[in-house]
Amino acid sequence: MTSVAENIAATAKGRGLAGTGLVIIWNGIRADKREDFMEWHPRQHMVERLSIPGFERGRRCIALDGTTEFLTIYELTTPDVLLTDVYRQRLANPTEWSTATLPAFTDNTRGACRLLFSEGVAMGGFMLTLRFGAQVGRERELVDNVRALMPRISTLPRITGAHFAQNDLSLTGGNAGNQRGRVIMLPDLVVMIEGSDAKTVAATGEALASDETLGGMGAADVARGLYQLEYSISRLW
């Protein structure tokens, strides 16, 4: 009888995310604006972003392990979507609700990324994110090492996707600094491991991409967070 592992290995993998570009955001929220954030984000902001050509799917997740509380991911057909006039006009003309809510963001990190690897079979209910930079002089080595690791992750049981992305400063001008009352930090490299079981996702990250393992590959300043999906909106029109 064919084993589960053999069936997984024999099954074709999908491309994982919905394109080659990614916007990924980590943030907290001030207590006085928490209710605004919880309703503004799914009812207006994410819907508005998904109306921009090239934005294919958005999802928001909440932390399970006490790291930065919220994770938002937008999947783009290509990274160049972030250079279009439509997107830039939307950034320059926020809604009244956005103007009132965005300054309440805390611990805000935002990446405008190009995907270096994406493979998967489904959107998972749980997501582990790993943010890190490179040790001095090991930038190319680190990217190559992590890219080589990713196919091993996507073939494991209960893992539905494995993705690797790099922030691109040329997209939306880097989007760093103080903007509309919030301070935005930038990631460098990001690994995302998603799956159907929180413990398995966390254990996979620790087994194959621990801080020690990544350090040996050339990574520095690893920040990890385990998140649970709250909702997702896809471009259906």
Protein backbone atom coordinates (compact mmCIF):
# COMPACT_ATOMS: atom_id res chain seq x y z
CA MET A 1 0.00 0.00 0.00
CA THR A 2 1.30 3.47 -0.89
CA SER A 3 2.21 5.55 2.16
CA VAL A 4 1.02 9.09 2.87
CA ALA A 5 4.57 10.38 2.33
CA GLU A 6 4.77 8.65 -1.04
CA ASN A 7 1.40 10.08 -2.09
CA ILE A 8 2.51 13.56 -1.07
CA ALA A 9 5.75 13.19 -3.04
CA ALA A 10 3.86 12.02 -6.12
CA THR A 11 1.34 14.86 -6.05
CA ALA A 12 2.06 17.93 -8.18
CA LYS A 13 2.60 21.13 -6.19
CA GLY A 14 0.85 24.36 -7.07
CA ARG A 15 2.49 27.74 -7.24
CA GLY A 16 1.28 28.53 -3.73
CA LEU A 17 0.54 32.26 -3.73
CA ALA A 18 -1.51 33.98 -6.41
CA GLY A 19 1.31 35.76 -8.21
CA THR A 20 4.92 36.89 -7.97
CA GLY A 21 4.47 39.94 -5.76
CA LEU A 22 3.57 40.34 -2.12
CA VAL A 23 2.75 43.04 0.40
CA ILE A 24 3.21 41.76 3.94
CA ILE A 25 2.42 43.84 7.02
CA TRP A 26 2.89 43.27 10.73
CA ASN A 27 1.25 45.68 13.17
CA GLY A 28 -0.23 46.22 16.57
CA ILE A 29 -3.01 48.71 17.31
CA ARG A 30 -3.61 51.22 20.10
CA ALA A 31 -6.37 50.21 22.50
CA ASP A 32 -8.46 53.30 21.77
CA LYS A 33 -8.64 52.43 18.05
CA ARG A 34 -8.93 48.65 18.34
CA GLU A 35 -12.64 48.46 17.44
CA ASP A 36 -12.13 50.82 14.51
CA PHE A 37 -9.28 48.66 13.22
CA MET A 38 -11.20 45.41 13.62
CA GLU A 39 -14.08 46.69 11.45
CA TRP A 40 -12.28 49.11 9.11
CA HIS A 41 -9.86 46.49 7.88
CA PRO A 42 -12.29 43.85 6.47
CA ARG A 43 -15.22 46.15 5.69
CA GLN A 44 -13.33 48.91 3.87
CA HIS A 45 -9.55 48.74 3.65
CA MET A 46 -8.96 45.23 2.34
CA VAL A 47 -11.94 45.47 -0.01
CA GLU A 48 -10.52 48.74 -1.35
CA ARG A 49 -7.09 47.20 -1.91
CA LEU A 50 -8.61 44.19 -3.68
CA SER A 51 -10.34 46.58 -6.11
CA ILE A 52 -6.92 47.61 -7.47
CA PRO A 53 -6.00 45.64 -10.62
CA GLY A 54 -3.32 43.10 -9.75
CA PHE A 55 -4.31 42.63 -6.10
CA GLU A 56 -5.58 39.03 -6.14
CA ARG A 57 -6.06 37.95 -2.52
CA GLY A 58 -5.75 39.44 0.95
CA ARG A 59 -5.77 37.80 4.34
CA ARG A 60 -5.44 38.91 7.93
CA CYS A 61 -4.13 36.75 10.75
CA ILE A 62 -3.78 37.19 14.50
CA ALA A 63 -0.81 36.11 16.61
CA LEU A 64 -0.91 32.96 18.71
CA ASP A 65 2.46 33.43 20.39
CA GLY A 66 2.55 37.01 21.64
CA THR A 67 4.58 38.53 18.81
CA THR A 68 3.34 41.55 16.82
CA GLU A 69 -0.39 40.99 16.99
CA PHE A 70 -1.61 41.23 13.40
CA LEU A 71 -0.30 39.94 10.09
CA THR A 72 -1.76 41.06 6.76
CA ILE A 73 -0.78 39.59 3.40
CA TYR A 74 -1.72 40.80 -0.08
CA GLU A 75 -0.89 38.57 -3.04
CA LEU A 76 -0.12 40.42 -6.29
CA THR A 77 0.02 39.22 -9.88
CA THR A 78 3.41 40.94 -10.18
CA PRO A 79 5.41 43.30 -7.92
CA ASP A 80 5.02 46.06 -10.51
CA VAL A 81 1.39 46.46 -9.44
CA LEU A 82 2.84 48.65 -6.68
CA LEU A 83 4.25 51.05 -9.29
CA THR A 84 0.96 51.70 -11.11
CA ASP A 85 -0.83 55.04 -11.09
CA VAL A 86 -3.97 53.42 -9.68
CA TYR A 87 -2.13 52.13 -6.62
CA ARG A 88 -0.21 55.36 -6.07
CA GLN A 89 -3.40 57.42 -6.30
CA ARG A 90 -5.05 55.16 -3.73
CA LEU A 91 -2.10 55.63 -1.36
CA ALA A 92 -2.21 59.39 -1.80
CA ASN A 93 -5.96 59.63 -1.16
CA PRO A 94 -6.86 57.58 1.92
CA THR A 95 -10.46 57.43 3.09
CA GLU A 96 -11.61 59.32 6.16
CA TRP A 97 -11.77 56.05 8.13
CA SER A 98 -8.23 55.17 7.03
CA THR A 99 -6.93 58.58 8.03
CA ALA A 100 -8.41 58.11 11.49
CA THR A 101 -7.16 54.53 11.96
CA LEU A 102 -3.67 54.31 10.44
CA PRO A 103 -1.93 56.59 13.01
CA ALA A 104 -2.94 54.10 15.72
CA PHE A 105 -0.74 51.36 14.23
CA THR A 106 2.10 50.21 16.49
CA ASP A 107 5.10 47.89 15.88
CA ASN A 108 4.50 48.38 12.16
CA THR A 109 6.72 46.54 9.65
CA ARG A 110 5.75 46.55 5.98
CA GLY A 111 7.38 44.76 3.08
CA ALA A 112 6.79 45.28 -0.65
CA CYS A 113 8.29 42.03 -1.85
CA ARG A 114 9.30 39.95 -4.82
CA LEU A 115 8.71 36.24 -4.37
CA LEU A 116 11.85 34.11 -4.62
CA PHE A 117 10.00 30.82 -4.04
CA SER A 118 6.35 29.83 -3.61
CA GLU A 119 4.90 26.35 -3.58
CA GLY A 120 1.75 24.93 -2.05
CA VAL A 121 -1.59 23.23 -2.37
CA ALA A 122 -3.99 25.39 -0.33
CA MET A 123 -4.29 28.43 1.92
CA GLY A 124 -3.55 27.25 5.44
CA GLY A 125 -5.33 28.29 8.61
CA PHE A 126 -2.00 28.91 10.35
CA MET A 127 1.08 30.82 9.25
CA LEU A 128 4.60 31.02 10.65
CA THR A 129 6.56 34.06 9.52
CA LEU A 130 10.34 34.41 9.82
CA ARG A 131 11.91 37.81 9.22
CA PHE A 132 15.67 38.17 9.03
CA GLY A 133 18.57 39.95 7.43
CA ALA A 134 21.95 38.67 6.29
CA GLN A 135 25.26 38.57 8.08
CA VAL A 136 27.76 40.96 6.53
CA GLY A 137 29.12 39.57 3.29
CA ARG A 138 26.78 36.56 3.22
CA GLU A 139 23.77 38.07 1.43
CA ARG A 140 23.92 35.96 -1.75
CA GLU A 141 24.86 32.82 0.16
CA LEU A 142 21.89 33.25 2.51
CA VAL A 143 19.37 33.66 -0.32
CA ASP A 144 20.71 30.59 -2.10
CA ASN A 145 20.67 28.51 1.10
CA VAL A 146 17.12 29.43 2.03
CA ARG A 147 15.83 28.94 -1.51
CA ALA A 148 17.32 25.42 -1.49
CA LEU A 149 15.58 24.67 1.82
CA MET A 150 12.06 25.65 0.75
CA PRO A 151 11.08 22.56 -1.36
CA ARG A 152 11.72 20.32 1.66
CA ILE A 153 9.18 22.28 3.70
CA SER A 154 6.35 22.19 1.18
CA THR A 155 6.32 18.38 0.98
CA LEU A 156 5.68 17.78 4.70
CA PRO A 157 2.32 16.54 6.09
CA ARG A 158 -0.08 19.26 7.26
CA ILE A 159 2.02 21.92 5.48
CA THR A 160 -0.02 23.57 2.75
CA GLY A 161 2.47 26.15 1.52
CA ALA A 162 6.04 27.41 1.80
CA HIS A 163 7.10 30.83 0.52
CA PHE A 164 10.25 32.97 0.45
CA ALA A 165 10.26 36.68 -0.38
CA GLN A 166 12.61 39.64 -0.40
CA ASN A 167 11.68 43.25 0.23
CA ASP A 168 12.39 45.51 -2.75
CA LEU A 169 13.18 49.13 -1.88
CA SER A 170 12.30 50.26 -5.40
CA LEU A 171 8.63 49.39 -4.86
CA THR A 172 6.56 52.28 -3.40
CA GLY A 173 9.77 54.07 -2.46
CA GLY A 174 10.48 51.59 0.33
CA ASN A 175 7.48 52.94 2.29
CA ALA A 176 9.61 53.41 5.41
CA GLY A 177 9.70 56.12 8.03
CA ASN A 178 6.94 58.16 9.56
CA GLN A 179 3.77 58.02 7.45
CA ARG A 180 0.39 59.39 8.54
CA GLY A 181 1.42 59.23 12.17
CA ARG A 182 2.87 55.70 12.14
CA VAL A 183 6.50 54.64 12.02
CA ILE A 184 7.06 51.91 9.41
CA MET A 185 10.01 49.54 9.54
CA LEU A 186 11.16 47.39 6.62
CA PRO A 187 11.87 43.67 6.55
CA ASP A 188 14.63 42.21 4.41
CA LEU A 189 13.98 38.50 3.82
CA VAL A 190 10.76 36.71 4.79
CA VAL A 191 9.93 33.00 5.01
CA MET A 192 6.28 31.96 5.37
CA ILE A 193 5.21 28.44 6.30
CA GLU A 194 1.46 27.76 6.28
CA GLY A 195 -0.54 24.71 7.16
CA SER A 196 -3.65 23.16 8.66
CA ASP A 197 -2.31 22.59 12.19
CA ALA A 198 -0.65 25.20 14.40
CA LYS A 199 1.64 22.82 16.27
CA THR A 200 2.87 21.23 13.05
CA VAL A 201 3.57 24.60 11.44
CA ALA A 202 5.52 25.78 14.50
CA ALA A 203 7.40 22.48 14.79
CA THR A 204 8.32 22.53 11.10
CA GLY A 205 9.77 25.98 11.45
CA GLU A 206 11.80 24.92 14.46
CA ALA A 207 13.01 21.67 12.89
CA LEU A 208 14.04 23.06 9.49
CA ALA A 209 14.46 26.80 10.05
CA SER A 210 15.47 27.33 13.67
CA ASP A 211 17.38 30.46 14.61
CA GLU A 212 20.53 28.34 14.84
CA THR A 213 19.96 26.75 11.41
CA LEU A 214 19.28 30.08 9.75
CA GLY A 215 22.30 31.59 11.48
CA GLY A 216 24.44 28.86 9.97
CA MET A 217 23.03 29.76 6.56
CA GLY A 218 24.07 33.38 7.03
CA ALA A 219 20.98 34.96 8.65
CA ALA A 220 20.97 37.57 11.41
CA ASP A 221 18.30 39.02 13.71
CA VAL A 222 15.61 36.38 13.16
CA ALA A 223 12.10 37.37 14.28
CA ARG A 224 9.41 34.69 14.19
CA GLY A 225 5.68 34.74 14.77
CA LEU A 226 2.91 32.13 14.62
CA TYR A 227 -0.47 33.37 13.36
CA GLN A 228 -4.01 32.10 12.91
CA LEU A 229 -6.13 33.16 9.94
CA GLU A 230 -8.99 35.52 10.79
CA TYR A 231 -10.36 36.05 7.28
CA SER A 232 -9.45 36.21 3.61
CA ILE A 233 -10.87 38.20 0.70
CA SER A 234 -10.20 37.25 -2.91
CA ARG A 235 -10.68 39.31 -6.06
CA LEU A 236 -13.91 37.84 -7.41
CA TRP A 237 -14.96 40.55 -9.84
